[in-house]
Amino acid sequence: MEEKGSRKPHSIEWKDRKQGSITGVTDVLSFDETAVVLETEQGMLTLKGKNLHVGRLLLEQGEVELEGLIESIVYSGSHPVKKGSLVKRMFR
């Protein structure tokens, strides 16, 4: 199991809506030609489109490369919780 201190940075880089890469991926939950659902360091990420294909998958490095026409990218779920108590964050 990964320790909390070993978080991978999350980023999305896309070229012409046809190919791109995503880092900070912790798991691939599902994929087919119309949708890819990834668990990332920033929450669940759903990519929808046409003719989607996983070109490269390196979960140990947290990297995924995709090809196909992207029509939408949507985050859902929670993102990492900031450290510190609520009171401390309110009175900064």
PDB file of N, CA and C in Angstrom:
ATOM      1  N   MET A   1       0.839  -1.176   0.000  1.00  0.00           N
ATOM      2  CA  MET A   1       0.000   0.000   0.000  1.00  0.00           C
ATOM      3  C   MET A   1       0.884   1.238   0.000  1.00  0.00           C
ATOM      4  N   GLU A   2       0.477   2.253  -0.749  1.00  0.00           N
ATOM      5  CA  GLU A   2       1.233   3.486  -0.856  1.00  0.00           C
ATOM      6  C   GLU A   2       1.069   4.348   0.382  1.00  0.00           C
ATOM      7  N   GLU A   3       2.143   4.989   0.796  1.00  0.00           N
ATOM      8  CA  GLU A   3       2.050   5.902   1.925  1.00  0.00           C
ATOM      9  C   GLU A   3       1.541   7.238   1.437  1.00  0.00           C
ATOM     10  N   LYS A   4       0.919   8.018   2.343  1.00  0.00           N
ATOM     11  CA  LYS A   4       0.364   9.303   1.969  1.00  0.00           C
ATOM     12  C   LYS A   4       1.435  10.271   1.507  1.00  0.00           C
ATOM     13  N   GLY A   5       2.648  10.160   2.023  1.00  0.00           N
ATOM     14  CA  GLY A   5       3.706  11.081   1.663  1.00  0.00           C
ATOM     15  C   GLY A   5       4.242  10.859   0.265  1.00  0.00           C
ATOM     16  N   SER A   6       3.881   9.772  -0.396  1.00  0.00           N
ATOM     17  CA  SER A   6       4.431   9.467  -1.708  1.00  0.00           C
ATOM     18  C   SER A   6       3.458   9.797  -2.840  1.00  0.00           C
ATOM     19  N   ARG A   7       2.686  10.835  -2.694  1.00  0.00           N
ATOM     20  CA  ARG A   7       1.733  11.247  -3.713  1.00  0.00           C
ATOM     21  C   ARG A   7       2.445  11.644  -4.988  1.00  0.00           C
ATOM     22  N   LYS A   8       1.867  11.270  -6.102  1.00  0.00           N
ATOM     23  CA  LYS A   8       2.413  11.639  -7.396  1.00  0.00           C
ATOM     24  C   LYS A   8       1.688  12.886  -7.882  1.00  0.00           C
ATOM     25  N   PRO A   9       2.397  13.819  -8.503  1.00  0.00           N
ATOM     26  CA  PRO A   9       1.716  15.009  -9.022  1.00  0.00           C
ATOM     27  C   PRO A   9       0.714  14.624 -10.110  1.00  0.00           C
ATOM     28  N   HIS A  10      -0.404  15.320 -10.142  1.00  0.00           N
ATOM     29  CA  HIS A  10      -1.448  15.036 -11.118  1.00  0.00           C
ATOM     30  C   HIS A  10      -1.439  16.107 -12.192  1.00  0.00           C
ATOM     31  N   SER A  11      -1.428  15.678 -13.445  1.00  0.00           N
ATOM     32  CA  SER A  11      -1.515  16.625 -14.551  1.00  0.00           C
ATOM     33  C   SER A  11      -2.180  15.957 -15.743  1.00  0.00           C
ATOM     34  N   ILE A  12      -2.723  16.804 -16.615  1.00  0.00           N
ATOM     35  CA  ILE A  12      -3.327  16.342 -17.862  1.00  0.00           C
ATOM     36  C   ILE A  12      -2.709  17.163 -18.981  1.00  0.00           C
ATOM     37  N   GLU A  13      -2.226  16.480 -20.007  1.00  0.00           N
ATOM     38  CA  GLU A  13      -1.683  17.156 -21.180  1.00  0.00           C
ATOM     39  C   GLU A  13      -2.377  16.569 -22.395  1.00  0.00           C
ATOM     40  N   TRP A  14      -3.013  17.432 -23.197  1.00  0.00           N
ATOM     41  CA  TRP A  14      -3.770  16.944 -24.332  1.00  0.00           C
ATOM     42  C   TRP A  14      -3.368  17.687 -25.596  1.00  0.00           C
ATOM     43  N   LYS A  15      -3.339  16.975 -26.723  1.00  0.00           N
ATOM     44  CA  LYS A  15      -2.975  17.564 -28.012  1.00  0.00           C
ATOM     45  C   LYS A  15      -4.115  17.361 -28.997  1.00  0.00           C
ATOM     46  N   ASP A  16      -4.677  18.447 -29.464  1.00  0.00           N
ATOM     47  CA  ASP A  16      -5.709  18.434 -30.513  1.00  0.00           C
ATOM     48  C   ASP A  16      -6.903  17.528 -30.213  1.00  0.00           C
ATOM     49  N   ARG A  17      -7.211  17.333 -28.942  1.00  0.00           N
ATOM     50  CA  ARG A  17      -8.330  16.488 -28.521  1.00  0.00           C
ATOM     51  C   ARG A  17      -8.214  15.058 -29.020  1.00  0.00           C
ATOM     52  N   LYS A  18      -7.027  14.649 -29.479  1.00  0.00           N
ATOM     53  CA  LYS A  18      -6.865  13.317 -30.061  1.00  0.00           C
ATOM     54  C   LYS A  18      -5.909  12.412 -29.290  1.00  0.00           C
ATOM     55  N   GLN A  19      -4.973  12.974 -28.547  1.00  0.00           N
ATOM     56  CA  GLN A  19      -4.055  12.140 -27.777  1.00  0.00           C
ATOM     57  C   GLN A  19      -3.539  12.946 -26.602  1.00  0.00           C
ATOM     58  N   GLY A  20      -3.209  12.229 -25.538  1.00  0.00           N
ATOM     59  CA  GLY A  20      -2.711  12.925 -24.370  1.00  0.00           C
ATOM     60  C   GLY A  20      -2.233  11.976 -23.298  1.00  0.00           C
ATOM     61  N   SER A  21      -1.752  12.592 -22.228  1.00  0.00           N
ATOM     62  CA  SER A  21      -1.252  11.800 -21.107  1.00  0.00           C
ATOM     63  C   SER A  21      -1.775  12.378 -19.806  1.00  0.00           C
ATOM     64  N   ILE A  22      -1.892  11.499 -18.834  1.00  0.00           N
ATOM     65  CA  ILE A  22      -2.387  11.869 -17.507  1.00  0.00           C
ATOM     66  C   ILE A  22      -1.421  11.273 -16.497  1.00  0.00           C
ATOM     67  N   THR A  23      -1.000  12.086 -15.526  1.00  0.00           N
ATOM     68  CA  THR A  23      -0.147  11.591 -14.456  1.00  0.00           C
ATOM     69  C   THR A  23      -0.907  11.691 -13.136  1.00  0.00           C
ATOM     70  N   GLY A  24      -0.386  11.028 -12.118  1.00  0.00           N
ATOM     71  CA  GLY A  24      -1.054  11.009 -10.824  1.00  0.00           C
ATOM     72  C   GLY A  24      -2.206  10.031 -10.781  1.00  0.00           C
ATOM     73  N   VAL A  25      -2.189   9.047 -11.668  1.00  0.00           N
ATOM     74  CA  VAL A  25      -3.248   8.026 -11.741  1.00  0.00           C
ATOM     75  C   VAL A  25      -2.919   6.919 -10.751  1.00  0.00           C
ATOM     76  N   THR A  26      -3.893   6.569  -9.920  1.00  0.00           N
ATOM     77  CA  THR A  26      -3.682   5.499  -8.952  1.00  0.00           C
ATOM     78  C   THR A  26      -4.355   4.191  -9.361  1.00  0.00           C
ATOM     79  N   ASP A  27      -5.384   4.266 -10.244  1.00  0.00           N
ATOM     80  CA  ASP A  27      -6.062   3.056 -10.682  1.00  0.00           C
ATOM     81  C   ASP A  27      -6.882   3.351 -11.929  1.00  0.00           C
ATOM     82  N   VAL A  28      -7.062   2.350 -12.766  1.00  0.00           N
ATOM     83  CA  VAL A  28      -7.971   2.421 -13.913  1.00  0.00           C
ATOM     84  C   VAL A  28      -9.184   1.591 -13.547  1.00  0.00           C
ATOM     85  N   LEU A  29     -10.329   2.245 -13.410  1.00  0.00           N
ATOM     86  CA  LEU A  29     -11.535   1.549 -12.978  1.00  0.00           C
ATOM     87  C   LEU A  29     -12.277   0.898 -14.135  1.00  0.00           C
ATOM     88  N   SER A  30     -12.318   1.573 -15.278  1.00  0.00           N
ATOM     89  CA  SER A  30     -12.937   0.979 -16.458  1.00  0.00           C
ATOM     90  C   SER A  30     -12.505   1.749 -17.695  1.00  0.00           C
ATOM     91  N   PHE A  31     -12.563   1.053 -18.820  1.00  0.00           N
ATOM     92  CA  PHE A  31     -12.326   1.730 -20.083  1.00  0.00           C
ATOM     93  C   PHE A  31     -12.941   0.931 -21.218  1.00  0.00           C
ATOM     94  N   ASP A  32     -13.440   1.656 -22.203  1.00  0.00           N
ATOM     95  CA  ASP A  32     -13.905   1.083 -23.455  1.00  0.00           C
ATOM     96  C   ASP A  32     -13.739   2.164 -24.518  1.00  0.00           C
ATOM     97  N   GLU A  33     -14.323   1.985 -25.679  1.00  0.00           N
ATOM     98  CA  GLU A  33     -14.116   2.940 -26.768  1.00  0.00           C
ATOM     99  C   GLU A  33     -14.815   4.279 -26.555  1.00  0.00           C
ATOM    100  N   THR A  34     -15.723   4.367 -25.579  1.00  0.00           N
ATOM    101  CA  THR A  34     -16.462   5.614 -25.372  1.00  0.00           C
ATOM    102  C   THR A  34     -16.180   6.298 -24.042  1.00  0.00           C
ATOM    103  N   ALA A  35     -15.567   5.595 -23.080  1.00  0.00           N
ATOM    104  CA  ALA A  35     -15.316   6.208 -21.767  1.00  0.00           C
ATOM    105  C   ALA A  35     -14.151   5.526 -21.059  1.00  0.00           C
ATOM    106  N   VAL A  36     -13.396   6.339 -20.334  1.00  0.00           N
ATOM    107  CA  VAL A  36     -12.307   5.848 -19.490  1.00  0.00           C
ATOM    108  C   VAL A  36     -12.508   6.468 -18.118  1.00  0.00           C
ATOM    109  N   VAL A  37     -12.514   5.651 -17.072  1.00  0.00           N
ATOM    110  CA  VAL A  37     -12.687   6.135 -15.702  1.00  0.00           C
ATOM    111  C   VAL A  37     -11.415   5.814 -14.931  1.00  0.00           C
ATOM    112  N   LEU A  38     -10.778   6.875 -14.421  1.00  0.00           N
ATOM    113  CA  LEU A  38      -9.520   6.746 -13.700  1.00  0.00           C
ATOM    114  C   LEU A  38      -9.664   7.265 -12.282  1.00  0.00           C
ATOM    115  N   GLU A  39      -8.955   6.650 -11.365  1.00  0.00           N
ATOM    116  CA  GLU A  39      -8.834   7.195 -10.018  1.00  0.00           C
ATOM    117  C   GLU A  39      -7.505   7.933  -9.996  1.00  0.00           C
ATOM    118  N   THR A  40      -7.538   9.216  -9.618  1.00  0.00           N
ATOM    119  CA  THR A  40      -6.323  10.025  -9.596  1.00  0.00           C
ATOM    120  C   THR A  40      -6.097  10.576  -8.200  1.00  0.00           C
ATOM    121  N   GLU A  41      -4.987  11.232  -8.023  1.00  0.00           N
ATOM    122  CA  GLU A  41      -4.673  11.880  -6.747  1.00  0.00           C
ATOM    123  C   GLU A  41      -5.657  13.016  -6.441  1.00  0.00           C
ATOM    124  N   GLN A  42      -6.392  13.494  -7.441  1.00  0.00           N
ATOM    125  CA  GLN A  42      -7.336  14.591  -7.265  1.00  0.00           C
ATOM    126  C   GLN A  42      -8.794  14.160  -7.344  1.00  0.00           C
ATOM    127  N   GLY A  43      -9.064  12.866  -7.293  1.00  0.00           N
ATOM    128  CA  GLY A  43     -10.431  12.361  -7.357  1.00  0.00           C
ATOM    129  C   GLY A  43     -10.649  11.532  -8.610  1.00  0.00           C
ATOM    130  N   MET A  44     -11.886  11.114  -8.816  1.00  0.00           N
ATOM    131  CA  MET A  44     -12.235  10.299  -9.975  1.00  0.00           C
ATOM    132  C   MET A  44     -12.247  11.181 -11.220  1.00  0.00           C
ATOM    133  N   LEU A  45     -11.732  10.648 -12.316  1.00  0.00           N
ATOM    134  CA  LEU A  45     -11.651  11.384 -13.566  1.00  0.00           C
ATOM    135  C   LEU A  45     -12.289  10.539 -14.655  1.00  0.00           C
ATOM    136  N   THR A  46     -13.307  11.100 -15.321  1.00  0.00           N
ATOM    137  CA  THR A  46     -13.992  10.401 -16.400  1.00  0.00           C
ATOM    138  C   THR A  46     -13.741  11.146 -17.700  1.00  0.00           C
ATOM    139  N   LEU A  47     -13.234  10.425 -18.683  1.00  0.00           N
ATOM    140  CA  LEU A  47     -13.015  10.978 -20.013  1.00  0.00           C
ATOM    141  C   LEU A  47     -13.978  10.284 -20.959  1.00  0.00           C
ATOM    142  N   LYS A  48     -14.745  11.060 -21.715  1.00  0.00           N
ATOM    143  CA  LYS A  48     -15.691  10.492 -22.669  1.00  0.00           C
ATOM    144  C   LYS A  48     -15.310  10.936 -24.066  1.00  0.00           C
ATOM    145  N   GLY A  49     -15.571  10.056 -25.032  1.00  0.00           N
ATOM    146  CA  GLY A  49     -15.241  10.382 -26.404  1.00  0.00           C
ATOM    147  C   GLY A  49     -15.558   9.245 -27.344  1.00  0.00           C
ATOM    148  N   LYS A  50     -14.802   9.197 -28.440  1.00  0.00           N
ATOM    149  CA  LYS A  50     -15.003   8.168 -29.463  1.00  0.00           C
ATOM    150  C   LYS A  50     -13.669   7.519 -29.790  1.00  0.00           C
ATOM    151  N   ASN A  51     -13.705   6.217 -30.045  1.00  0.00           N
ATOM    152  CA  ASN A  51     -12.511   5.456 -30.428  1.00  0.00           C
ATOM    153  C   ASN A  51     -11.360   5.618 -29.429  1.00  0.00           C
ATOM    154  N   LEU A  52     -11.671   5.585 -28.145  1.00  0.00           N
ATOM    155  CA  LEU A  52     -10.651   5.751 -27.112  1.00  0.00           C
ATOM    156  C   LEU A  52      -9.850   4.461 -26.951  1.00  0.00           C
ATOM    157  N   HIS A  53      -8.541   4.629 -26.851  1.00  0.00           N
ATOM    158  CA  HIS A  53      -7.645   3.492 -26.668  1.00  0.00           C
ATOM    159  C   HIS A  53      -6.571   3.876 -25.662  1.00  0.00           C
ATOM    160  N   VAL A  54      -6.240   2.956 -24.775  1.00  0.00           N
ATOM    161  CA  VAL A  54      -5.140   3.163 -23.837  1.00  0.00           C
ATOM    162  C   VAL A  54      -3.862   2.776 -24.579  1.00  0.00           C
ATOM    163  N   GLY A  55      -3.008   3.777 -24.840  1.00  0.00           N
ATOM    164  CA  GLY A  55      -1.771   3.526 -25.555  1.00  0.00           C
ATOM    165  C   GLY A  55      -0.678   2.997 -24.652  1.00  0.00           C
ATOM    166  N   ARG A  56      -0.609   3.539 -23.439  1.00  0.00           N
ATOM    167  CA  ARG A  56       0.420   3.112 -22.489  1.00  0.00           C
ATOM    168  C   ARG A  56      -0.157   3.253 -21.083  1.00  0.00           C
ATOM    169  N   LEU A  57       0.115   2.277 -20.256  1.00  0.00           N
ATOM    170  CA  LEU A  57      -0.376   2.272 -18.883  1.00  0.00           C
ATOM    171  C   LEU A  57       0.766   1.865 -17.971  1.00  0.00           C
ATOM    172  N   LEU A  58       1.208   2.787 -17.131  1.00  0.00           N
ATOM    173  CA  LEU A  58       2.267   2.530 -16.156  1.00  0.00           C
ATOM    174  C   LEU A  58       1.747   2.939 -14.777  1.00  0.00           C
ATOM    175  N   LEU A  59       0.988   2.048 -14.136  1.00  0.00           N
ATOM    176  CA  LEU A  59       0.377   2.400 -12.848  1.00  0.00           C
ATOM    177  C   LEU A  59       1.409   2.625 -11.758  1.00  0.00           C
ATOM    178  N   GLU A  60       2.525   1.919 -11.797  1.00  0.00           N
ATOM    179  CA  GLU A  60       3.546   2.126 -10.774  1.00  0.00           C
ATOM    180  C   GLU A  60       4.086   3.552 -10.817  1.00  0.00           C
ATOM    181  N   GLN A  61       4.157   4.134 -12.015  1.00  0.00           N
ATOM    182  CA  GLN A  61       4.583   5.529 -12.155  1.00  0.00           C
ATOM    183  C   GLN A  61       3.390   6.477 -12.164  1.00  0.00           C
ATOM    184  N   GLY A  62       2.174   5.929 -12.198  1.00  0.00           N
ATOM    185  CA  GLY A  62       0.961   6.754 -12.187  1.00  0.00           C
ATOM    186  C   GLY A  62       0.696   7.441 -13.510  1.00  0.00           C
ATOM    187  N   GLU A  63       1.079   6.821 -14.635  1.00  0.00           N
ATOM    188  CA  GLU A  63       0.940   7.455 -15.942  1.00  0.00           C
ATOM    189  C   GLU A  63       0.038   6.638 -16.868  1.00  0.00           C
ATOM    190  N   VAL A  64      -0.781   7.367 -17.637  1.00  0.00           N
ATOM    191  CA  VAL A  64      -1.639   6.759 -18.643  1.00  0.00           C
ATOM    192  C   VAL A  64      -1.579   7.630 -19.887  1.00  0.00           C
ATOM    193  N   GLU A  65      -1.439   7.006 -21.053  1.00  0.00           N
ATOM    194  CA  GLU A  65      -1.526   7.718 -22.324  1.00  0.00           C
ATOM    195  C   GLU A  65      -2.744   7.201 -23.071  1.00  0.00           C
ATOM    196  N   LEU A  66      -3.536   8.125 -23.609  1.00  0.00           N
ATOM    197  CA  LEU A  66      -4.766   7.774 -24.316  1.00  0.00           C
ATOM    198  C   LEU A  66      -4.753   8.359 -25.718  1.00  0.00           C
ATOM    199  N   GLU A  67      -5.494   7.696 -26.605  1.00  0.00           N
ATOM    200  CA  GLU A  67      -5.705   8.186 -27.961  1.00  0.00           C
ATOM    201  C   GLU A  67      -7.185   8.087 -28.272  1.00  0.00           C
ATOM    202  N   GLY A  68      -7.666   8.958 -29.144  1.00  0.00           N
ATOM    203  CA  GLY A  68      -9.061   8.983 -29.535  1.00  0.00           C
ATOM    204  C   GLY A  68      -9.615  10.381 -29.407  1.00  0.00           C
ATOM    205  N   LEU A  69     -10.810  10.597 -29.884  1.00  0.00           N
ATOM    206  CA  LEU A  69     -11.439  11.915 -29.835  1.00  0.00           C
ATOM    207  C   LEU A  69     -12.062  12.148 -28.461  1.00  0.00           C
ATOM    208  N   ILE A  70     -11.558  13.124 -27.716  1.00  0.00           N
ATOM    209  CA  ILE A  70     -12.076  13.446 -26.385  1.00  0.00           C
ATOM    210  C   ILE A  70     -13.202  14.463 -26.509  1.00  0.00           C
ATOM    211  N   GLU A  71     -14.349  14.145 -25.907  1.00  0.00           N
ATOM    212  CA  GLU A  71     -15.498  15.049 -25.926  1.00  0.00           C
ATOM    213  C   GLU A  71     -15.736  15.701 -24.567  1.00  0.00           C
ATOM    214  N   SER A  72     -15.309  15.036 -23.487  1.00  0.00           N
ATOM    215  CA  SER A  72     -15.458  15.653 -22.165  1.00  0.00           C
ATOM    216  C   SER A  72     -14.477  15.046 -21.174  1.00  0.00           C
ATOM    217  N   ILE A  73     -14.076  15.876 -20.218  1.00  0.00           N
ATOM    218  CA  ILE A  73     -13.237  15.457 -19.101  1.00  0.00           C
ATOM    219  C   ILE A  73     -13.903  15.979 -17.845  1.00  0.00           C
ATOM    220  N   VAL A  74     -14.272  15.070 -16.932  1.00  0.00           N
ATOM    221  CA  VAL A  74     -15.032  15.464 -15.741  1.00  0.00           C
ATOM    222  C   VAL A  74     -14.423  14.830 -14.498  1.00  0.00           C
ATOM    223  N   TYR A  75     -14.205  15.670 -13.472  1.00  0.00           N
ATOM    224  CA  TYR A  75     -13.785  15.175 -12.157  1.00  0.00           C
ATOM    225  C   TYR A  75     -15.018  14.953 -11.301  1.00  0.00           C
ATOM    226  N   SER A  76     -14.967  13.921 -10.470  1.00  0.00           N
ATOM    227  CA  SER A  76     -16.033  13.702  -9.494  1.00  0.00           C
ATOM    228  C   SER A  76     -15.398  13.153  -8.231  1.00  0.00           C
ATOM    229  N   GLY A  77     -16.156  13.147  -7.169  1.00  0.00           N
ATOM    230  CA  GLY A  77     -15.611  12.673  -5.902  1.00  0.00           C
ATOM    231  C   GLY A  77     -14.782  13.750  -5.248  1.00  0.00           C
ATOM    232  N   SER A  78     -14.098  13.336  -4.207  1.00  0.00           N
ATOM    233  CA  SER A  78     -13.348  14.314  -3.427  1.00  0.00           C
ATOM    234  C   SER A  78     -11.915  14.400  -3.896  1.00  0.00           C
ATOM    235  N   HIS A  79     -11.328  15.524  -3.594  1.00  0.00           N
ATOM    236  CA  HIS A  79      -9.901  15.713  -3.838  1.00  0.00           C
ATOM    237  C   HIS A  79      -9.201  15.606  -2.501  1.00  0.00           C
ATOM    238  N   PRO A  80      -7.879  15.546  -2.444  1.00  0.00           N
ATOM    239  CA  PRO A  80      -7.175  15.369  -1.175  1.00  0.00           C
ATOM    240  C   PRO A  80      -7.552  16.430  -0.144  1.00  0.00           C
ATOM    241  N   VAL A  81      -7.699  16.000   1.086  1.00  0.00           N
ATOM    242  CA  VAL A  81      -8.051  16.899   2.177  1.00  0.00           C
ATOM    243  C   VAL A  81      -6.803  17.639   2.634  1.00  0.00           C
ATOM    244  N   LYS A  82      -6.948  18.958   2.829  1.00  0.00           N
ATOM    245  CA  LYS A  82      -5.821  19.736   3.320  1.00  0.00           C
ATOM    246  C   LYS A  82      -5.529  19.363   4.760  1.00  0.00           C
ATOM    247  N   LYS A  83      -4.245  19.372   5.108  1.00  0.00           N
ATOM    248  CA  LYS A  83      -3.851  19.034   6.461  1.00  0.00           C
ATOM    249  C   LYS A  83      -4.134  20.207   7.391  1.00  0.00           C
ATOM    250  N   GLY A  84      -4.339  19.902   8.668  1.00  0.00           N
ATOM    251  CA  GLY A  84      -4.595  20.930   9.665  1.00  0.00           C
ATOM    252  C   GLY A  84      -6.052  20.944  10.052  1.00  0.00           C
ATOM    253  N   SER A  85      -6.310  21.489  11.205  1.00  0.00           N
ATOM    254  CA  SER A  85      -7.690  21.515  11.686  1.00  0.00           C
ATOM    255  C   SER A  85      -8.487  22.594  10.964  1.00  0.00           C
ATOM    256  N   LEU A  86      -9.796  22.443  10.994  1.00  0.00           N
ATOM    257  CA  LEU A  86     -10.686  23.406  10.367  1.00  0.00           C
ATOM    258  C   LEU A  86     -10.508  24.785  10.994  1.00  0.00           C
ATOM    259  N   VAL A  87     -10.374  24.857  12.296  1.00  0.00           N
ATOM    260  CA  VAL A  87     -10.228  26.139  12.990  1.00  0.00           C
ATOM    261  C   VAL A  87      -8.949  26.846  12.534  1.00  0.00           C
ATOM    262  N   LYS A  88      -7.839  26.116  12.438  1.00  0.00           N
ATOM    263  CA  LYS A  88      -6.577  26.713  11.995  1.00  0.00           C
ATOM    264  C   LYS A  88      -6.707  27.258  10.579  1.00  0.00           C
ATOM    265  N   ARG A  89      -7.378  26.519   9.701  1.00  0.00           N
ATOM    266  CA  ARG A  89      -7.516  26.976   8.318  1.00  0.00           C
ATOM    267  C   ARG A  89      -8.427  28.190   8.231  1.00  0.00           C
ATOM    268  N   MET A  90      -9.434  28.286   9.109  1.00  0.00           N
ATOM    269  CA  MET A  90     -10.355  29.416   9.069  1.00  0.00           C
ATOM    270  C   MET A  90      -9.699  30.715   9.498  1.00  0.00           C
ATOM    271  N   PHE A  91      -8.724  30.651  10.407  1.00  0.00           N
ATOM    272  CA  PHE A  91      -8.134  31.857  10.967  1.00  0.00           C
ATOM    273  C   PHE A  91      -6.725  32.123  10.468  1.00  0.00           C
ATOM    274  N   ARG A  92      -6.430  31.778   9.238  1.00  0.00           N
ATOM    275  CA  ARG A  92      -5.115  32.067   8.655  1.00  0.00           C
ATOM    276  C   ARG A  92      -5.004  33.505   8.282  1.00  0.00           C
TER     277      ARG A  92
END
